[in-house]
């Protein structure tokens, strides 16, 4: 990466803050982002199909929780290795190989679904999907930040959130409609594989990125460098820890098939709407954040957005009306979008490029643990105490986590405008 990208002028930095399309003006970033939208859309479609198929075949909330657990275990186990690989090798090649593996997993799921293979084979395939994502996340994230100057980082964090949420709006809806159209999940897995292949070709078109990273032998010190950096930067640690425990406790998405079928009494199309609702809210909020000036008091905004997330989660758990459930899920997505943009900007601005892969790996474990382990926690709690207790209790826990975070890391309450770090 050239020195001009690493050290933008004050004029360029100031201009980027007021340009809603600052990051999107770079060709390679556009290609990467479009590819990610396709990949994420396919992934969201696949998630809906997996949830519907497994619940139809097992009628078990624990089976739904196992979807997340199977995918997150490889990400946790391989964290230090994948981060080191992303920092010491060609990030583009790692990203491409990971996409091919994801495509293979989707095609395998299609075959298992078509031939009604054993349920354990689905989980075996999800473990392999977790391995692909374990390498894709740190390499892809680190590569993405090489495609733009630092002056566009805040804008890029918002576009990243917007693109992910766009895919999360389109994906579940398409997944629900596709299940209804094909009368099974097989076709959805094939569409997901096609999306992964499309992302592969778009990423392959990105120009090779220059790297000047030292070739260090693998050692515990080099592997743990990302974890050491996060530990020594208390604001980053506070932000990602808050996200970990808040979503771990407050996530209700894994139980949506249960709520759709047993509580709200709706079918697969409505399930698609429910799974898309958080992303619709997040997409609207992300669009607002693109055009609004940078947040002046990032710390308080982060804390209050997570408190709101907990409150709307509680209301969702108590709801018996589809319209109210949809509204609360949309609000949960909007509030989560605020915390995502703040956290991603904070992490990227304060992380040096030679550590981005390892820090991204650490961050991805926190994110995956909160989402996937959160799904397992929700499934386990729902199996023991019922889905309503699981969601309402999780929402209360989320609010308590915010109180604890503000007490343990008081500096997060004083965090101001992130763009002033540039």
Protein backbone atom coordinates (compact mmCIF):
# COMPACT_ATOMS: atom_id res chain seq x y z
CA UNK A 1 0.00 0.00 0.00
CA UNK A 2 1.47 3.34 -1.02
CA UNK A 3 2.44 6.01 1.49
CA UNK A 4 -0.11 8.36 -0.07
CA UNK A 5 -2.85 5.98 0.99
CA UNK A 6 -1.49 5.60 4.50
CA UNK A 7 -1.10 9.31 5.10
CA UNK A 8 -3.92 11.25 3.45
CA UNK A 9 -3.75 14.98 3.57
CA UNK A 10 -5.97 16.88 5.97
CA UNK A 11 -7.85 18.24 2.98
CA UNK A 12 -8.59 14.76 1.63
CA UNK A 13 -9.59 13.52 5.07
CA UNK A 14 -11.98 16.39 5.56
CA UNK A 15 -13.46 15.91 2.10
CA UNK A 16 -13.99 12.19 2.69
CA UNK A 17 -16.00 12.94 5.81
CA UNK A 18 -18.48 14.97 3.76
CA UNK A 19 -18.59 12.63 0.75
CA UNK A 20 -21.23 9.90 1.22
CA UNK A 21 -19.61 7.87 -1.59
CA UNK A 22 -15.96 8.36 -0.59
CA UNK A 23 -15.12 4.64 -0.33
CA UNK A 24 -17.26 3.62 -3.30
CA UNK A 25 -15.25 5.85 -5.65
CA UNK A 26 -12.44 3.25 -5.63
CA UNK A 27 -12.87 0.55 -8.31
CA UNK A 28 -11.42 -2.37 -6.39
CA UNK A 29 -13.46 -1.55 -3.29
CA UNK A 30 -16.62 -1.46 -5.44
CA UNK A 31 -15.85 -4.90 -6.93
CA UNK A 32 -15.12 -6.31 -3.49
CA UNK A 33 -18.29 -4.85 -1.98
CA UNK A 34 -20.55 -6.07 -4.81
CA UNK A 35 -19.02 -9.52 -4.45
CA UNK A 36 -19.63 -9.50 -0.73
CA UNK A 37 -23.27 -8.52 -1.22
CA UNK A 38 -23.72 -11.57 -3.46
CA UNK A 39 -21.84 -13.86 -1.07
CA UNK A 40 -23.73 -12.62 1.98
CA UNK A 41 -27.05 -12.86 0.14
CA UNK A 42 -26.38 -16.49 -0.69
CA UNK A 43 -25.29 -17.14 2.88
CA UNK A 44 -28.47 -15.60 4.30
CA UNK A 45 -30.61 -17.66 1.91
CA UNK A 46 -28.76 -20.76 3.03
CA UNK A 47 -29.31 -19.91 6.71
CA UNK A 48 -33.08 -19.70 6.20
CA UNK A 49 -33.05 -23.00 4.30
CA UNK A 50 -30.99 -24.74 6.99
CA UNK A 51 -33.23 -23.50 9.80
CA UNK A 52 -36.41 -24.50 8.01
CA UNK A 53 -35.16 -27.92 6.86
CA UNK A 54 -33.66 -28.93 10.20
CA UNK A 55 -36.69 -27.83 12.20
CA UNK A 56 -39.00 -29.65 9.77
CA UNK A 57 -36.91 -32.83 10.09
CA UNK A 58 -36.18 -32.73 13.84
CA UNK A 59 -38.78 -30.36 15.40
CA UNK A 60 -35.99 -29.45 17.85
CA UNK A 61 -34.84 -26.01 19.01
CA UNK A 62 -31.50 -27.58 19.93
CA UNK A 63 -31.02 -28.61 16.30
CA UNK A 64 -31.30 -24.93 15.32
CA UNK A 65 -28.72 -23.92 17.93
CA UNK A 66 -26.39 -26.56 16.54
CA UNK A 67 -26.27 -24.73 13.19
CA UNK A 68 -24.39 -21.86 14.78
CA UNK A 69 -22.24 -24.03 17.03
CA UNK A 70 -20.98 -26.18 14.15
CA UNK A 71 -19.86 -23.10 12.20
CA UNK A 72 -18.28 -21.17 15.07
CA UNK A 73 -16.12 -23.95 16.54
CA UNK A 74 -13.62 -23.96 13.63
CA UNK A 75 -13.46 -20.15 13.71
CA UNK A 76 -12.54 -20.18 17.41
CA UNK A 77 -10.09 -23.09 17.07
CA UNK A 78 -8.27 -21.56 14.08
CA UNK A 79 -8.30 -17.90 15.17
CA UNK A 80 -4.58 -17.39 15.77
CA UNK A 81 -3.54 -19.41 12.72
CA UNK A 82 -5.90 -17.73 10.23
CA UNK A 83 -4.94 -14.25 11.43
CA UNK A 84 -1.24 -15.04 11.04
CA UNK A 85 -1.82 -16.53 7.57
CA UNK A 86 -3.72 -13.37 6.51
CA UNK A 87 -0.88 -11.12 7.65
CA UNK A 88 1.97 -13.13 6.13
CA UNK A 89 0.51 -14.29 2.79
CA UNK A 90 -1.41 -13.03 -0.23
CA UNK A 91 -4.77 -11.98 1.21
CA UNK A 92 -6.47 -12.06 -2.18
CA UNK A 93 -5.51 -15.70 -2.83
CA UNK A 94 -6.68 -16.76 0.64
CA UNK A 95 -9.99 -14.99 0.03
CA UNK A 96 -10.47 -16.73 -3.34
CA UNK A 97 -9.67 -20.22 -1.99
CA UNK A 98 -12.09 -19.66 0.89
CA UNK A 99 -14.88 -18.73 -1.53
CA UNK A 100 -14.31 -21.91 -3.54
CA UNK A 101 -14.59 -23.95 -0.35
CA UNK A 102 -17.86 -22.19 0.55
CA UNK A 103 -19.22 -23.02 -2.91
CA UNK A 104 -18.26 -26.68 -2.46
CA UNK A 105 -20.02 -26.76 0.94
CA UNK A 106 -23.22 -25.32 -0.52
CA UNK A 107 -23.25 -27.89 -3.34
CA UNK A 108 -22.67 -30.66 -0.79
CA UNK A 109 -25.59 -29.41 1.31
CA UNK A 110 -27.74 -29.49 -1.84
CA UNK A 111 -26.81 -33.13 -2.41
CA UNK A 112 -27.51 -34.06 1.24
CA UNK A 113 -30.87 -32.29 1.08
CA UNK A 114 -31.88 -33.84 -2.24
CA UNK A 115 -31.06 -37.39 -1.14
CA UNK A 116 -32.35 -36.82 2.44
CA UNK A 117 -28.95 -37.67 3.90
CA UNK A 118 -28.41 -38.09 7.63
CA UNK A 119 -28.66 -34.95 9.75
CA UNK A 120 -25.13 -35.41 11.08
CA UNK A 121 -23.83 -34.97 7.51
CA UNK A 122 -25.37 -31.48 7.46
CA UNK A 123 -23.45 -30.57 10.60
CA UNK A 124 -20.24 -32.04 9.17
CA UNK A 125 -20.68 -29.80 6.14
CA UNK A 126 -21.31 -26.81 8.41
CA UNK A 127 -18.02 -27.52 10.22
CA UNK A 128 -16.24 -27.28 6.86
CA UNK A 129 -18.15 -24.06 6.14
CA UNK A 130 -16.81 -22.74 9.45
CA UNK A 131 -13.24 -23.54 8.32
CA UNK A 132 -13.78 -21.57 5.10
CA UNK A 133 -15.19 -18.60 6.99
CA UNK A 134 -12.35 -18.79 9.52
CA UNK A 135 -9.86 -18.03 6.72
CA UNK A 136 -12.15 -15.75 4.71
CA UNK A 137 -12.98 -13.28 7.49
CA UNK A 138 -9.48 -12.06 8.50
CA UNK A 139 -8.03 -12.25 4.96
CA UNK A 140 -11.06 -10.59 3.36
CA UNK A 141 -11.35 -7.85 5.97
CA UNK A 142 -7.63 -7.05 5.85
CA UNK A 143 -7.68 -7.03 2.04
CA UNK A 144 -10.68 -4.69 1.97
CA UNK A 145 -8.92 -2.01 4.02
CA UNK A 146 -5.99 -2.12 1.58
CA UNK A 147 -8.30 -1.02 -1.24
CA UNK A 148 -9.04 2.47 0.16
CA UNK A 149 -7.12 5.32 1.82
CA UNK A 150 -7.44 5.76 5.57
CA UNK A 151 -9.41 8.97 5.04
CA UNK A 152 -12.29 6.84 3.72
CA UNK A 153 -12.30 4.30 6.58
CA UNK A 154 -15.27 5.77 8.47
CA UNK A 155 -17.31 5.95 5.27
CA UNK A 156 -16.24 2.41 4.31
CA UNK A 157 -17.34 1.04 7.70
CA UNK A 158 -20.80 2.44 7.04
CA UNK A 159 -20.89 1.04 3.49
CA UNK A 160 -19.71 -2.34 4.81
CA UNK A 161 -22.61 -2.37 7.23
CA UNK A 162 -25.00 -1.20 4.49
CA UNK A 163 -23.88 -3.90 2.05
CA UNK A 164 -24.14 -6.62 4.66
CA UNK A 165 -27.59 -5.45 5.72
CA UNK A 166 -28.74 -5.17 2.10
CA UNK A 167 -27.78 -8.80 1.62
CA UNK A 168 -29.49 -9.68 4.88
CA UNK A 169 -32.71 -8.04 3.65
CA UNK A 170 -32.65 -9.69 0.24
CA UNK A 171 -31.28 -13.08 1.35
CA UNK A 172 -33.89 -14.21 3.91
CA UNK A 173 -36.76 -13.00 1.72
CA UNK A 174 -35.34 -14.84 -1.31
CA UNK A 175 -34.67 -17.86 0.89
CA UNK A 176 -38.25 -17.99 2.12
CA UNK A 177 -39.70 -17.51 -1.36
CA UNK A 178 -37.32 -20.11 -2.83
CA UNK A 179 -38.33 -22.72 -0.24
CA UNK A 180 -41.98 -22.04 -1.05
CA UNK A 181 -41.24 -22.18 -4.80
CA UNK A 182 -39.05 -25.31 -4.84
CA UNK A 183 -40.99 -27.00 -2.00
CA UNK A 184 -37.62 -27.90 -0.43
CA UNK A 185 -34.25 -26.43 0.56
CA UNK A 186 -32.16 -28.08 -2.19
CA UNK A 187 -32.57 -25.28 -4.73
CA UNK A 188 -31.62 -22.65 -2.14
CA UNK A 189 -28.26 -24.35 -1.52
CA UNK A 190 -27.57 -24.37 -5.27
CA UNK A 191 -28.36 -20.65 -5.52
CA UNK A 192 -25.99 -20.03 -2.61
CA UNK A 193 -23.22 -21.86 -4.48
CA UNK A 194 -23.83 -19.70 -7.56
CA UNK A 195 -23.56 -16.57 -5.40
CA UNK A 196 -20.22 -17.75 -3.98
CA UNK A 197 -18.90 -18.38 -7.51
CA UNK A 198 -19.98 -14.89 -8.61
CA UNK A 199 -18.15 -13.37 -5.66
CA UNK A 200 -15.06 -15.39 -6.62
CA UNK A 201 -14.93 -13.86 -10.12
CA UNK A 202 -15.50 -10.29 -8.87
CA UNK A 203 -12.73 -10.64 -6.26
CA UNK A 204 -10.41 -12.20 -8.86
CA UNK A 205 -10.77 -8.97 -10.91
CA UNK A 206 -9.25 -6.88 -8.10
CA UNK A 207 -5.72 -5.64 -8.84
CA UNK A 208 -2.89 -7.36 -6.91
CA UNK A 209 -2.10 -5.52 -3.66
CA UNK A 210 1.47 -4.64 -2.67
CA UNK A 211 2.55 -5.98 0.68
CA UNK A 212 5.76 -5.36 2.59
CA UNK A 213 5.12 -7.75 5.46
CA UNK A 214 8.08 -9.55 7.02
CA UNK A 215 8.16 -13.31 6.63
CA UNK A 216 8.33 -14.40 10.25
CA UNK A 217 8.37 -18.03 11.34
CA UNK A 218 5.20 -19.11 13.11
CA UNK A 219 5.63 -18.77 16.85
CA UNK A 220 3.36 -18.20 19.81
CA UNK A 221 4.51 -14.55 19.85
CA UNK A 222 3.59 -13.86 16.22
CA UNK A 223 0.32 -15.79 16.51
CA UNK A 224 -0.72 -13.91 19.62
CA UNK A 225 0.31 -10.45 18.37
CA UNK A 226 -3.28 -9.56 17.45
CA UNK A 227 -4.64 -10.63 20.83
CA UNK A 228 -1.87 -8.67 22.59
CA UNK A 229 -2.70 -5.55 20.56
CA UNK A 230 -6.41 -5.78 21.40
CA UNK A 231 -5.65 -6.36 25.09
CA UNK A 232 -3.40 -3.29 25.20
CA UNK A 233 -6.02 -1.09 23.51
CA UNK A 234 -8.74 -0.92 26.11
CA UNK A 235 -11.24 1.02 23.98
CA UNK A 236 -11.13 -1.65 21.26
CA UNK A 237 -11.39 -4.38 23.90
CA UNK A 238 -14.38 -2.65 25.51
CA UNK A 239 -16.20 -2.19 22.19
CA UNK A 240 -15.84 -5.77 20.95
CA UNK A 241 -16.51 -7.25 24.42
CA UNK A 242 -19.73 -5.23 24.63
CA UNK A 243 -20.81 -6.58 21.25
CA UNK A 244 -19.86 -10.14 22.21
CA UNK A 245 -21.97 -10.37 25.36
CA UNK A 246 -24.82 -8.16 24.20
CA UNK A 247 -25.53 -10.20 21.07
CA UNK A 248 -24.64 -13.48 22.81
CA UNK A 249 -27.46 -12.83 25.29
CA UNK A 250 -29.82 -10.69 23.21
CA UNK A 251 -29.84 -12.49 19.88
CA UNK A 252 -33.24 -13.97 18.98
CA UNK A 253 -32.60 -14.75 15.31
CA UNK A 254 -31.75 -18.43 15.84
CA UNK A 255 -35.19 -19.01 17.37
CA UNK A 256 -37.17 -17.30 14.60
CA UNK A 257 -38.30 -20.64 13.08
CA UNK A 258 -39.74 -21.55 16.51
CA UNK A 259 -41.46 -18.18 16.93
CA UNK A 260 -42.79 -18.32 13.35
CA UNK A 261 -44.24 -21.83 13.60
CA UNK A 262 -45.28 -22.22 17.25
CA UNK A 263 -45.93 -18.70 18.59
CA UNK A 264 -46.86 -16.45 15.66
CA UNK A 265 -48.28 -19.38 13.61
CA UNK A 266 -46.95 -18.34 10.19
CA UNK A 267 -45.21 -20.13 7.29
CA UNK A 268 -41.84 -19.99 5.46
CA UNK A 269 -42.58 -16.76 3.58
CA UNK A 270 -43.37 -14.91 6.82
CA UNK A 271 -40.27 -16.49 8.37
CA UNK A 272 -38.27 -14.88 5.58
CA UNK A 273 -39.84 -11.52 6.46
CA UNK A 274 -39.00 -11.98 10.15
CA UNK A 275 -35.38 -12.83 9.37
CA UNK A 276 -35.13 -9.87 6.99
CA UNK A 277 -36.67 -7.37 9.44
CA UNK A 278 -33.51 -6.68 11.51
CA UNK A 279 -31.57 -6.02 8.33
CA UNK A 280 -34.25 -3.69 6.94
CA UNK A 281 -33.92 -1.58 10.08
CA UNK A 282 -30.13 -1.77 9.92
CA UNK A 283 -30.08 -0.83 6.24
CA UNK A 284 -32.22 2.25 6.85
CA UNK A 285 -30.01 3.31 9.75
CA UNK A 286 -26.81 2.66 7.76
CA UNK A 287 -28.16 4.80 4.90
CA UNK A 288 -28.84 7.61 7.37
CA UNK A 289 -25.33 7.28 8.84
CA UNK A 290 -23.79 7.57 5.35
CA UNK A 291 -25.39 10.98 4.80
CA UNK A 292 -25.37 12.35 8.35
CA UNK A 293 -22.19 13.98 9.78
CA UNK A 294 -19.90 11.65 11.78
CA UNK A 295 -21.18 10.84 15.28
CA UNK A 296 -19.72 13.39 17.71
CA UNK A 297 -20.11 11.29 20.88
CA UNK A 298 -19.34 7.76 19.73
CA UNK A 299 -19.01 6.24 23.21
CA UNK A 300 -22.42 7.27 24.60
CA UNK A 301 -24.02 6.45 21.22
CA UNK A 302 -22.52 2.94 21.39
CA UNK A 303 -23.75 2.30 24.93
CA UNK A 304 -27.27 3.67 24.43
CA UNK A 305 -27.73 1.81 21.14
CA UNK A 306 -27.01 -1.50 22.90
CA UNK A 307 -29.40 -0.61 25.76
CA UNK A 308 -32.10 0.01 23.13
CA UNK A 309 -31.22 -3.32 21.50
CA UNK A 310 -31.92 -5.07 24.81
CA UNK A 311 -35.26 -3.28 25.30
CA UNK A 312 -36.65 -4.12 21.84
CA UNK A 313 -35.46 -7.74 22.26
CA UNK A 314 -37.57 -8.02 25.43
CA UNK A 315 -40.64 -6.61 23.64
CA UNK A 316 -40.12 -9.04 20.73
CA UNK A 317 -40.01 -11.97 23.13
CA UNK A 318 -43.34 -10.96 24.65
CA UNK A 319 -45.05 -10.14 21.34
CA UNK A 320 -47.85 -12.31 19.92
CA UNK A 321 -48.53 -10.13 16.85
CA UNK A 322 -46.53 -10.46 13.66
CA UNK A 323 -46.55 -6.69 12.98
CA UNK A 324 -45.16 -5.89 16.45
CA UNK A 325 -42.54 -8.64 16.13
CA UNK A 326 -41.47 -7.26 12.75
CA UNK A 327 -41.23 -3.72 14.15
CA UNK A 328 -39.13 -4.78 17.14
CA UNK A 329 -36.80 -6.83 14.94
CA UNK A 330 -36.38 -3.85 12.59
CA UNK A 331 -35.55 -1.57 15.53
CA UNK A 332 -33.06 -4.12 16.86
CA UNK A 333 -31.28 -4.04 13.51
CA UNK A 334 -31.25 -0.23 13.39
CA UNK A 335 -29.75 0.03 16.87
CA UNK A 336 -27.22 -2.72 16.17
CA UNK A 337 -26.14 -0.90 13.00
CA UNK A 338 -25.02 2.09 15.06
CA UNK A 339 -22.80 -0.06 17.29
CA UNK A 340 -21.39 -1.97 14.29
CA UNK A 341 -20.27 1.19 12.46
CA UNK A 342 -18.71 2.67 15.61
CA UNK A 343 -16.89 -0.56 16.48
CA UNK A 344 -15.57 -1.26 12.97
CA UNK A 345 -14.33 2.30 12.51
CA UNK A 346 -12.65 2.30 15.93
CA UNK A 347 -10.89 -1.02 15.28
CA UNK A 348 -9.65 -0.15 11.79
CA UNK A 349 -8.46 3.37 12.55
CA UNK A 350 -6.44 2.21 15.55
CA UNK A 351 -4.95 -0.98 14.03
CA UNK A 352 -1.67 -0.87 12.00
CA UNK A 353 -1.84 -2.58 8.61
CA UNK A 354 0.68 -5.34 9.43
CA UNK A 355 -1.61 -6.51 12.26
CA UNK A 356 -4.96 -6.17 10.48
CA UNK A 357 -5.31 -9.87 9.66
CA UNK A 358 -4.64 -10.99 13.22
CA UNK A 359 -6.84 -8.29 14.78
CA UNK A 360 -9.58 -9.09 12.24
CA UNK A 361 -9.31 -12.75 13.28
CA UNK A 362 -9.72 -11.82 16.95
CA UNK A 363 -12.62 -9.51 16.09
CA UNK A 364 -14.26 -12.19 13.93
CA UNK A 365 -14.18 -14.63 16.85
CA UNK A 366 -15.95 -12.07 19.03
CA UNK A 367 -18.52 -11.46 16.28
CA UNK A 368 -18.97 -15.15 15.46
CA UNK A 369 -19.11 -16.11 19.12
CA UNK A 370 -21.82 -13.52 19.71
CA UNK A 371 -23.86 -14.63 16.69
CA UNK A 372 -23.25 -18.36 16.42
CA UNK A 373 -22.70 -19.22 20.09
CA UNK A 374 -25.58 -16.86 20.82
CA UNK A 375 -27.71 -19.06 18.59
CA UNK A 376 -26.58 -22.14 20.52
CA UNK A 377 -27.26 -20.39 23.86
CA UNK A 378 -30.73 -19.38 22.65
CA UNK A 379 -31.49 -22.91 21.46
CA UNK A 380 -30.31 -24.47 24.73
CA UNK A 381 -32.20 -21.98 26.91
CA UNK A 382 -35.32 -22.37 24.77
CA UNK A 383 -35.13 -26.16 25.06
CA UNK A 384 -34.84 -25.92 28.85
CA UNK A 385 -37.15 -22.99 29.69
CA UNK A 386 -39.05 -22.15 26.49
CA UNK A 387 -38.37 -19.63 23.69
CA UNK A 388 -40.06 -16.65 25.38
CA UNK A 389 -37.99 -16.98 28.56
CA UNK A 390 -34.85 -17.36 26.42
CA UNK A 391 -35.41 -14.13 24.46
CA UNK A 392 -36.77 -11.96 27.30
CA UNK A 393 -34.05 -13.10 29.70
CA UNK A 394 -31.43 -12.41 27.04
CA UNK A 395 -32.72 -8.87 26.53
CA UNK A 396 -32.47 -8.17 30.25
CA UNK A 397 -28.95 -9.62 30.26
CA UNK A 398 -27.96 -7.31 27.38
CA UNK A 399 -28.92 -4.22 29.39
CA UNK A 400 -26.92 -5.49 32.39
CA UNK A 401 -23.90 -6.02 30.11
CA UNK A 402 -23.99 -2.33 29.09
CA UNK A 403 -24.00 -1.28 32.75
CA UNK A 404 -21.04 -3.57 33.46
CA UNK A 405 -19.08 -2.36 30.40
CA UNK A 406 -19.55 1.31 31.33
CA UNK A 407 -18.35 0.52 34.86
CA UNK A 408 -15.31 -1.59 33.89
CA UNK A 409 -14.15 0.69 31.04
CA UNK A 410 -15.28 4.23 32.01
CA UNK A 411 -13.21 5.70 29.14
CA UNK A 412 -15.78 4.30 26.66
CA UNK A 413 -18.30 6.80 28.07
CA UNK A 414 -16.00 9.68 27.08
CA UNK A 415 -15.19 8.51 23.52
CA UNK A 416 -15.83 11.39 21.10
CA UNK A 417 -15.81 11.66 17.30
CA UNK A 418 -13.90 8.75 15.72
CA UNK A 419 -12.87 10.68 12.60
CA UNK A 420 -10.73 12.94 14.80
CA UNK A 421 -8.36 9.96 15.23
CA UNK A 422 -7.32 10.30 11.57
